[in-house]
């Protein structure tokens, strides 16, 4: 059983999947992570989501390691392809990782790629991953149906206040939280320039145009089938 906490060992709330427990370490009310996706949604495509030898089946577990500060820096020096050993580490934060994997086949046209060095130096190149959109268009490259994975409109709640994502191979490093999520799919240089132009010492200004009430809200520019 994995423990994931915010702040007492007295008040305990179990997650719906019964293998993650949120607890308080100072007696304050337990605060669970926001629900972004549901494993049941993942299993609409994956049937039974099982990663890292089949022991990782819950997205609430994934974020423990796939956090904003983590990269493949520990495994990259052991890459079985020598050229990969010389490249900067790859960011593996959940918001970057998942968007990059599921838009993999579209990345080369944007001048981008996504390769993570894994266990025993394995080279995991996701640029051939074909996303099954299962939308009215039938196009496997259509990644705009956010609700296939996201729940409760979480894709519309831009992740303000989260730690920036370390992304040594990215055009922006570190990447603020919203930028990191959006560059998962919008991986080209012009998009990166747009993100930079709208970020300053006060933070990202994305919500001005892209919040739920903005002219270019996520709901209005991404298909909601």
C-alpha atoms as a PDB file:
ATOM      1  CA  UNK A   1       0.000   0.000   0.000  1.00  0.00           C
ATOM      2  CA  UNK A   2       1.391   3.379  -0.976  1.00  0.00           C
ATOM      3  CA  UNK A   3       0.865   6.409   1.207  1.00  0.00           C
ATOM      4  CA  UNK A   4       0.516   9.786  -0.412  1.00  0.00           C
ATOM      5  CA  UNK A   5       0.066  12.696   1.940  1.00  0.00           C
ATOM      6  CA  UNK A   6      -0.505  16.366   2.199  1.00  0.00           C
ATOM      7  CA  UNK A   7      -0.144  17.260   5.718  1.00  0.00           C
ATOM      8  CA  UNK A   8      -1.622  13.561  10.711  1.00  0.00           C
ATOM      9  CA  UNK A   9      -1.652  10.160  10.726  1.00  0.00           C
ATOM     10  CA  UNK A  10      -5.056  10.308  12.374  1.00  0.00           C
ATOM     11  CA  UNK A  11      -7.529  11.197   9.643  1.00  0.00           C
ATOM     12  CA  UNK A  12      -7.430   8.772   6.721  1.00  0.00           C
ATOM     13  CA  UNK A  13      -9.427   8.822   3.498  1.00  0.00           C
ATOM     14  CA  UNK A  14      -9.130   5.978   0.980  1.00  0.00           C
ATOM     15  CA  UNK A  15      -9.115   6.612  -2.732  1.00  0.00           C
ATOM     16  CA  UNK A  16     -11.737   4.900  -4.914  1.00  0.00           C
ATOM     17  CA  UNK A  17      -9.049   2.441  -6.039  1.00  0.00           C
ATOM     18  CA  UNK A  18      -8.072   1.423  -2.479  1.00  0.00           C
ATOM     19  CA  UNK A  19      -4.326   1.501  -3.021  1.00  0.00           C
ATOM     20  CA  UNK A  20      -3.626   5.166  -2.374  1.00  0.00           C
ATOM     21  CA  UNK A  21      -4.356   6.751   0.984  1.00  0.00           C
ATOM     22  CA  UNK A  22      -4.423  10.496   1.518  1.00  0.00           C
ATOM     23  CA  UNK A  23      -3.618  11.524   5.055  1.00  0.00           C
ATOM     24  CA  UNK A  24      -2.860  14.571   7.162  1.00  0.00           C
ATOM     25  CA  UNK A  25       0.287  14.820   9.257  1.00  0.00           C
ATOM     26  CA  UNK A  26      -0.814  17.775  11.377  1.00  0.00           C
ATOM     27  CA  UNK A  27      -4.504  17.123  12.040  1.00  0.00           C
ATOM     28  CA  UNK A  28      -5.788  19.492   9.366  1.00  0.00           C
ATOM     29  CA  UNK A  29      -8.481  18.242   6.960  1.00  0.00           C
ATOM     30  CA  UNK A  30      -7.260  15.833   4.325  1.00  0.00           C
ATOM     31  CA  UNK A  31      -6.919  17.391   0.882  1.00  0.00           C
ATOM     32  CA  UNK A  32      -6.925  14.927  -2.008  1.00  0.00           C
ATOM     33  CA  UNK A  33      -5.338  15.630  -5.352  1.00  0.00           C
ATOM     34  CA  UNK A  34      -7.718  17.018  -7.930  1.00  0.00           C
ATOM     35  CA  UNK A  35      -9.160  14.335 -10.197  1.00  0.00           C
ATOM     36  CA  UNK A  36      -7.941  14.932 -13.734  1.00  0.00           C
ATOM     37  CA  UNK A  37      -8.525  11.550 -15.371  1.00  0.00           C
ATOM     38  CA  UNK A  38     -10.205   8.263 -14.474  1.00  0.00           C
ATOM     39  CA  UNK A  39      -8.524   4.897 -14.913  1.00  0.00           C
ATOM     40  CA  UNK A  40     -11.816   3.633 -16.350  1.00  0.00           C
ATOM     41  CA  UNK A  41     -11.371   6.139 -19.174  1.00  0.00           C
ATOM     42  CA  UNK A  42      -7.818   4.896 -19.752  1.00  0.00           C
ATOM     43  CA  UNK A  43      -9.118   1.346 -19.952  1.00  0.00           C
ATOM     44  CA  UNK A  44     -11.519   2.223 -22.752  1.00  0.00           C
ATOM     45  CA  UNK A  45      -8.401   1.957 -24.924  1.00  0.00           C
ATOM     46  CA  UNK A  46      -5.865   0.131 -22.784  1.00  0.00           C
ATOM     47  CA  UNK A  47      -8.387  -2.454 -21.491  1.00  0.00           C
ATOM     48  CA  UNK A  48      -6.253  -2.918 -18.371  1.00  0.00           C
ATOM     49  CA  UNK A  49      -3.743  -0.157 -17.777  1.00  0.00           C
ATOM     50  CA  UNK A  50      -0.586  -1.837 -16.475  1.00  0.00           C
ATOM     51  CA  UNK A  51       2.842  -0.216 -16.529  1.00  0.00           C
ATOM     52  CA  UNK A  52       6.314  -0.927 -15.165  1.00  0.00           C
ATOM     53  CA  UNK A  53       5.913  -4.683 -15.078  1.00  0.00           C
ATOM     54  CA  UNK A  54       2.179  -4.558 -14.431  1.00  0.00           C
ATOM     55  CA  UNK A  55       2.446  -3.136 -10.930  1.00  0.00           C
ATOM     56  CA  UNK A  56       1.300   0.392 -11.786  1.00  0.00           C
ATOM     57  CA  UNK A  57      -2.429   0.454 -12.555  1.00  0.00           C
ATOM     58  CA  UNK A  58      -3.587   3.693 -11.016  1.00  0.00           C
ATOM     59  CA  UNK A  59      -2.965   7.210 -12.284  1.00  0.00           C
ATOM     60  CA  UNK A  60      -2.873   8.372  -8.669  1.00  0.00           C
ATOM     61  CA  UNK A  61       0.297   6.311  -8.336  1.00  0.00           C
ATOM     62  CA  UNK A  62       1.820   7.610 -11.569  1.00  0.00           C
ATOM     63  CA  UNK A  63       2.083  11.176 -10.314  1.00  0.00           C
ATOM     64  CA  UNK A  64       4.213  10.113  -7.356  1.00  0.00           C
ATOM     65  CA  UNK A  65       7.208   9.641  -9.650  1.00  0.00           C
ATOM     66  CA  UNK A  66       6.052  11.493 -12.744  1.00  0.00           C
ATOM     67  CA  UNK A  67       6.264  14.832 -10.975  1.00  0.00           C
ATOM     68  CA  UNK A  68       7.429  18.247 -12.224  1.00  0.00           C
ATOM     69  CA  UNK A  69      11.007  17.796 -10.954  1.00  0.00           C
ATOM     70  CA  UNK A  70      11.675  14.361 -12.412  1.00  0.00           C
ATOM     71  CA  UNK A  71      13.456  13.412 -15.631  1.00  0.00           C
ATOM     72  CA  UNK A  72      15.123  10.306 -17.029  1.00  0.00           C
ATOM     73  CA  UNK A  73      18.518  11.570 -15.814  1.00  0.00           C
ATOM     74  CA  UNK A  74      19.257   8.373 -13.872  1.00  0.00           C
ATOM     75  CA  UNK A  75      18.712   6.048 -16.831  1.00  0.00           C
ATOM     76  CA  UNK A  76      19.838   8.181 -19.796  1.00  0.00           C
ATOM     77  CA  UNK A  77      23.561   7.456 -19.261  1.00  0.00           C
ATOM     78  CA  UNK A  78      22.780   3.748 -19.680  1.00  0.00           C
ATOM     79  CA  UNK A  79      20.818   4.115 -22.944  1.00  0.00           C
ATOM     80  CA  UNK A  80      21.437   1.198 -25.295  1.00  0.00           C
ATOM     81  CA  UNK A  81      21.699   3.717 -28.146  1.00  0.00           C
ATOM     82  CA  UNK A  82      24.925   5.663 -27.647  1.00  0.00           C
ATOM     83  CA  UNK A  83      23.593   8.836 -29.258  1.00  0.00           C
ATOM     84  CA  UNK A  84      20.826   9.024 -26.672  1.00  0.00           C
ATOM     85  CA  UNK A  85      23.353   8.998 -23.843  1.00  0.00           C
ATOM     86  CA  UNK A  86      24.720  12.355 -25.026  1.00  0.00           C
ATOM     87  CA  UNK A  87      21.359  14.126 -25.133  1.00  0.00           C
ATOM     88  CA  UNK A  88      19.948  16.190 -22.252  1.00  0.00           C
ATOM     89  CA  UNK A  89      17.588  14.425 -19.878  1.00  0.00           C
ATOM     90  CA  UNK A  90      13.945  14.091 -20.898  1.00  0.00           C
ATOM     91  CA  UNK A  91      11.202  15.540 -18.699  1.00  0.00           C
ATOM     92  CA  UNK A  92       8.713  12.927 -17.477  1.00  0.00           C
ATOM     93  CA  UNK A  93       6.220  15.067 -15.560  1.00  0.00           C
ATOM     94  CA  UNK A  94       2.748  13.547 -15.947  1.00  0.00           C
ATOM     95  CA  UNK A  95       1.187  16.481 -17.792  1.00  0.00           C
ATOM     96  CA  UNK A  96       4.009  16.572 -20.353  1.00  0.00           C
ATOM     97  CA  UNK A  97       4.491  12.804 -20.581  1.00  0.00           C
ATOM     98  CA  UNK A  98       0.883  11.838 -21.225  1.00  0.00           C
ATOM     99  CA  UNK A  99       0.178  14.538 -23.790  1.00  0.00           C
ATOM    100  CA  UNK A 100       3.423  13.768 -25.636  1.00  0.00           C
ATOM    101  CA  UNK A 101       2.763  10.021 -25.701  1.00  0.00           C
ATOM    102  CA  UNK A 102      -0.784  10.416 -26.968  1.00  0.00           C
ATOM    103  CA  UNK A 103       0.203  12.892 -29.660  1.00  0.00           C
ATOM    104  CA  UNK A 104       3.367  10.994 -30.600  1.00  0.00           C
ATOM    105  CA  UNK A 105       2.621  10.349 -34.266  1.00  0.00           C
ATOM    106  CA  UNK A 106       1.960  14.068 -34.785  1.00  0.00           C
ATOM    107  CA  UNK A 107       5.233  15.282 -33.263  1.00  0.00           C
ATOM    108  CA  UNK A 108       7.640  14.892 -36.225  1.00  0.00           C
ATOM    109  CA  UNK A 109       5.577  17.304 -38.354  1.00  0.00           C
ATOM    110  CA  UNK A 110       6.026  19.861 -35.561  1.00  0.00           C
ATOM    111  CA  UNK A 111       9.774  19.372 -35.456  1.00  0.00           C
ATOM    112  CA  UNK A 112       9.501  17.567 -32.141  1.00  0.00           C
ATOM    113  CA  UNK A 113       9.945  14.117 -30.671  1.00  0.00           C
ATOM    114  CA  UNK A 114       9.642  12.349 -27.341  1.00  0.00           C
ATOM    115  CA  UNK A 115      12.034   9.614 -26.297  1.00  0.00           C
ATOM    116  CA  UNK A 116      12.418   8.414 -22.716  1.00  0.00           C
ATOM    117  CA  UNK A 117      15.225   6.165 -21.534  1.00  0.00           C
ATOM    118  CA  UNK A 118      13.812   3.499 -19.248  1.00  0.00           C
ATOM    119  CA  UNK A 119      14.795   0.381 -17.336  1.00  0.00           C
ATOM    120  CA  UNK A 120      18.167  -1.092 -18.309  1.00  0.00           C
ATOM    121  CA  UNK A 121      18.709   1.686 -20.815  1.00  0.00           C
ATOM    122  CA  UNK A 122      15.689   0.855 -22.986  1.00  0.00           C
ATOM    123  CA  UNK A 123      14.973   3.516 -25.604  1.00  0.00           C
ATOM    124  CA  UNK A 124      11.281   4.348 -25.685  1.00  0.00           C
ATOM    125  CA  UNK A 125      10.539   6.466 -28.742  1.00  0.00           C
ATOM    126  CA  UNK A 126       6.891   7.542 -28.713  1.00  0.00           C
ATOM    127  CA  UNK A 127       6.866   9.332 -32.076  1.00  0.00           C
ATOM    128  CA  UNK A 128       5.141   6.367 -33.710  1.00  0.00           C
ATOM    129  CA  UNK A 129       2.305   6.119 -31.203  1.00  0.00           C
ATOM    130  CA  UNK A 130      -1.010   6.347 -33.041  1.00  0.00           C
ATOM    131  CA  UNK A 131      -3.782   7.792 -30.914  1.00  0.00           C
ATOM    132  CA  UNK A 132      -7.203   6.154 -31.422  1.00  0.00           C
ATOM    133  CA  UNK A 133      -9.412   9.222 -31.320  1.00  0.00           C
ATOM    134  CA  UNK A 134     -12.667   7.283 -31.565  1.00  0.00           C
ATOM    135  CA  UNK A 135     -14.411  10.464 -32.651  1.00  0.00           C
ATOM    136  CA  UNK A 136     -16.840  11.212 -35.493  1.00  0.00           C
ATOM    137  CA  UNK A 137     -13.995  11.991 -37.895  1.00  0.00           C
ATOM    138  CA  UNK A 138     -12.401   8.599 -37.412  1.00  0.00           C
ATOM    139  CA  UNK A 139      -8.964  10.206 -37.684  1.00  0.00           C
ATOM    140  CA  UNK A 140      -6.413   8.555 -35.423  1.00  0.00           C
ATOM    141  CA  UNK A 141      -4.363  11.753 -35.383  1.00  0.00           C
ATOM    142  CA  UNK A 142      -7.245  13.783 -33.928  1.00  0.00           C
ATOM    143  CA  UNK A 143      -6.233  14.359 -30.302  1.00  0.00           C
ATOM    144  CA  UNK A 144      -8.759  17.089 -29.556  1.00  0.00           C
ATOM    145  CA  UNK A 145     -11.365  14.962 -27.788  1.00  0.00           C
ATOM    146  CA  UNK A 146     -10.139  15.774 -24.284  1.00  0.00           C
ATOM    147  CA  UNK A 147     -13.049  14.040 -22.561  1.00  0.00           C
ATOM    148  CA  UNK A 148     -11.757  10.630 -23.664  1.00  0.00           C
ATOM    149  CA  UNK A 149      -9.318  10.900 -20.766  1.00  0.00           C
ATOM    150  CA  UNK A 150     -10.268  13.975 -18.739  1.00  0.00           C
ATOM    151  CA  UNK A 151     -13.205  13.992 -16.321  1.00  0.00           C
ATOM    152  CA  UNK A 152     -15.325  16.737 -14.775  1.00  0.00           C
ATOM    153  CA  UNK A 153     -14.077  19.233 -17.341  1.00  0.00           C
ATOM    154  CA  UNK A 154     -10.604  19.116 -15.777  1.00  0.00           C
ATOM    155  CA  UNK A 155      -9.013  20.031 -19.108  1.00  0.00           C
ATOM    156  CA  UNK A 156     -10.725  23.416 -18.837  1.00  0.00           C
ATOM    157  CA  UNK A 157      -9.296  24.163 -15.383  1.00  0.00           C
ATOM    158  CA  UNK A 158      -5.865  25.422 -16.286  1.00  0.00           C
ATOM    159  CA  UNK A 159      -3.291  24.237 -13.704  1.00  0.00           C
ATOM    160  CA  UNK A 160      -2.338  27.495 -12.019  1.00  0.00           C
ATOM    161  CA  UNK A 161      -0.003  27.534  -9.036  1.00  0.00           C
ATOM    162  CA  UNK A 162       1.678  24.185  -9.706  1.00  0.00           C
ATOM    163  CA  UNK A 163       5.430  23.726  -9.835  1.00  0.00           C
ATOM    164  CA  UNK A 164       7.125  24.273 -13.193  1.00  0.00           C
ATOM    165  CA  UNK A 165       8.123  21.199 -15.172  1.00  0.00           C
ATOM    166  CA  UNK A 166      11.802  20.454 -15.644  1.00  0.00           C
ATOM    167  CA  UNK A 167      12.196  19.787 -19.366  1.00  0.00           C
ATOM    168  CA  UNK A 168      15.880  19.807 -20.431  1.00  0.00           C
ATOM    169  CA  UNK A 169      15.052  18.756 -24.006  1.00  0.00           C
ATOM    170  CA  UNK A 170      12.181  21.208 -24.284  1.00  0.00           C
ATOM    171  CA  UNK A 171      12.184  24.585 -26.005  1.00  0.00           C
ATOM    172  CA  UNK A 172      11.247  26.085 -22.639  1.00  0.00           C
ATOM    173  CA  UNK A 173      12.980  24.847 -19.494  1.00  0.00           C
ATOM    174  CA  UNK A 174      11.669  24.857 -16.878  1.00  0.00           C
ATOM    175  CA  UNK A 175       8.175  25.110 -18.317  1.00  0.00           C
ATOM    176  CA  UNK A 176       5.412  26.689 -16.214  1.00  0.00           C
ATOM    177  CA  UNK A 177       2.519  24.336 -15.436  1.00  0.00           C
ATOM    178  CA  UNK A 178       0.107  25.435 -18.168  1.00  0.00           C
ATOM    179  CA  UNK A 179       2.889  25.685 -20.733  1.00  0.00           C
ATOM    180  CA  UNK A 180       4.129  22.192 -19.858  1.00  0.00           C
ATOM    181  CA  UNK A 181       0.686  20.678 -20.382  1.00  0.00           C
ATOM    182  CA  UNK A 182      -0.010  22.510 -23.631  1.00  0.00           C
ATOM    183  CA  UNK A 183       3.423  21.934 -25.173  1.00  0.00           C
ATOM    184  CA  UNK A 184       2.702  18.234 -24.850  1.00  0.00           C
ATOM    185  CA  UNK A 185       0.678  18.603 -28.053  1.00  0.00           C
ATOM    186  CA  UNK A 186       1.540  22.129 -29.219  1.00  0.00           C
ATOM    187  CA  UNK A 187       5.188  21.163 -29.533  1.00  0.00           C
ATOM    188  CA  UNK A 188       6.358  23.488 -32.317  1.00  0.00           C
ATOM    189  CA  UNK A 189       8.576  26.561 -31.950  1.00  0.00           C
ATOM    190  CA  UNK A 190       5.877  29.153 -32.801  1.00  0.00           C
ATOM    191  CA  UNK A 191       3.703  27.784 -30.002  1.00  0.00           C
ATOM    192  CA  UNK A 192       6.647  27.937 -27.600  1.00  0.00           C
ATOM    193  CA  UNK A 193       7.196  31.553 -28.621  1.00  0.00           C
ATOM    194  CA  UNK A 194       3.539  32.288 -27.866  1.00  0.00           C
ATOM    195  CA  UNK A 195       3.857  30.725 -24.406  1.00  0.00           C
ATOM    196  CA  UNK A 196       6.991  32.732 -23.659  1.00  0.00           C
ATOM    197  CA  UNK A 197       5.418  35.967 -24.847  1.00  0.00           C
ATOM    198  CA  UNK A 198       2.580  35.478 -22.397  1.00  0.00           C
ATOM    199  CA  UNK A 199       4.700  34.611 -19.364  1.00  0.00           C
ATOM    200  CA  UNK A 200       6.589  37.094 -17.216  1.00  0.00           C
ATOM    201  CA  UNK A 201       7.697  37.604 -13.610  1.00  0.00           C
ATOM    202  CA  UNK A 202       4.039  37.611 -12.537  1.00  0.00           C
ATOM    203  CA  UNK A 203       3.409  34.222 -14.103  1.00  0.00           C
ATOM    204  CA  UNK A 204       1.451  32.867 -17.062  1.00  0.00           C
ATOM    205  CA  UNK A 205      -1.364  34.943 -18.521  1.00  0.00           C
ATOM    206  CA  UNK A 206      -3.009  32.027 -20.341  1.00  0.00           C
ATOM    207  CA  UNK A 207      -6.275  32.344 -18.426  1.00  0.00           C
ATOM    208  CA  UNK A 208      -6.956  35.769 -19.939  1.00  0.00           C
ATOM    209  CA  UNK A 209      -7.871  34.117 -23.241  1.00  0.00           C
ATOM    210  CA  UNK A 210      -8.067  30.398 -22.467  1.00  0.00           C
ATOM    211  CA  UNK A 211     -10.069  30.159 -19.226  1.00  0.00           C
ATOM    212  CA  UNK A 212     -13.590  28.720 -19.282  1.00  0.00           C
ATOM    213  CA  UNK A 213     -14.967  32.219 -19.926  1.00  0.00           C
ATOM    214  CA  UNK A 214     -12.216  33.326 -22.304  1.00  0.00           C
ATOM    215  CA  UNK A 215     -12.707  33.917 -26.005  1.00  0.00           C
ATOM    216  CA  UNK A 216     -10.466  30.950 -26.813  1.00  0.00           C
ATOM    217  CA  UNK A 217     -11.394  28.643 -23.958  1.00  0.00           C
ATOM    218  CA  UNK A 218     -10.235  25.044 -24.092  1.00  0.00           C
ATOM    219  CA  UNK A 219     -13.822  23.939 -24.669  1.00  0.00           C
ATOM    220  CA  UNK A 220     -14.217  26.218 -27.679  1.00  0.00           C
ATOM    221  CA  UNK A 221     -10.980  25.273 -29.461  1.00  0.00           C
ATOM    222  CA  UNK A 222     -10.879  21.563 -28.671  1.00  0.00           C
ATOM    223  CA  UNK A 223     -13.582  19.259 -29.952  1.00  0.00           C
ATOM    224  CA  UNK A 224     -15.974  18.041 -27.293  1.00  0.00           C
ATOM    225  CA  UNK A 225     -17.685  15.133 -29.028  1.00  0.00           C
END
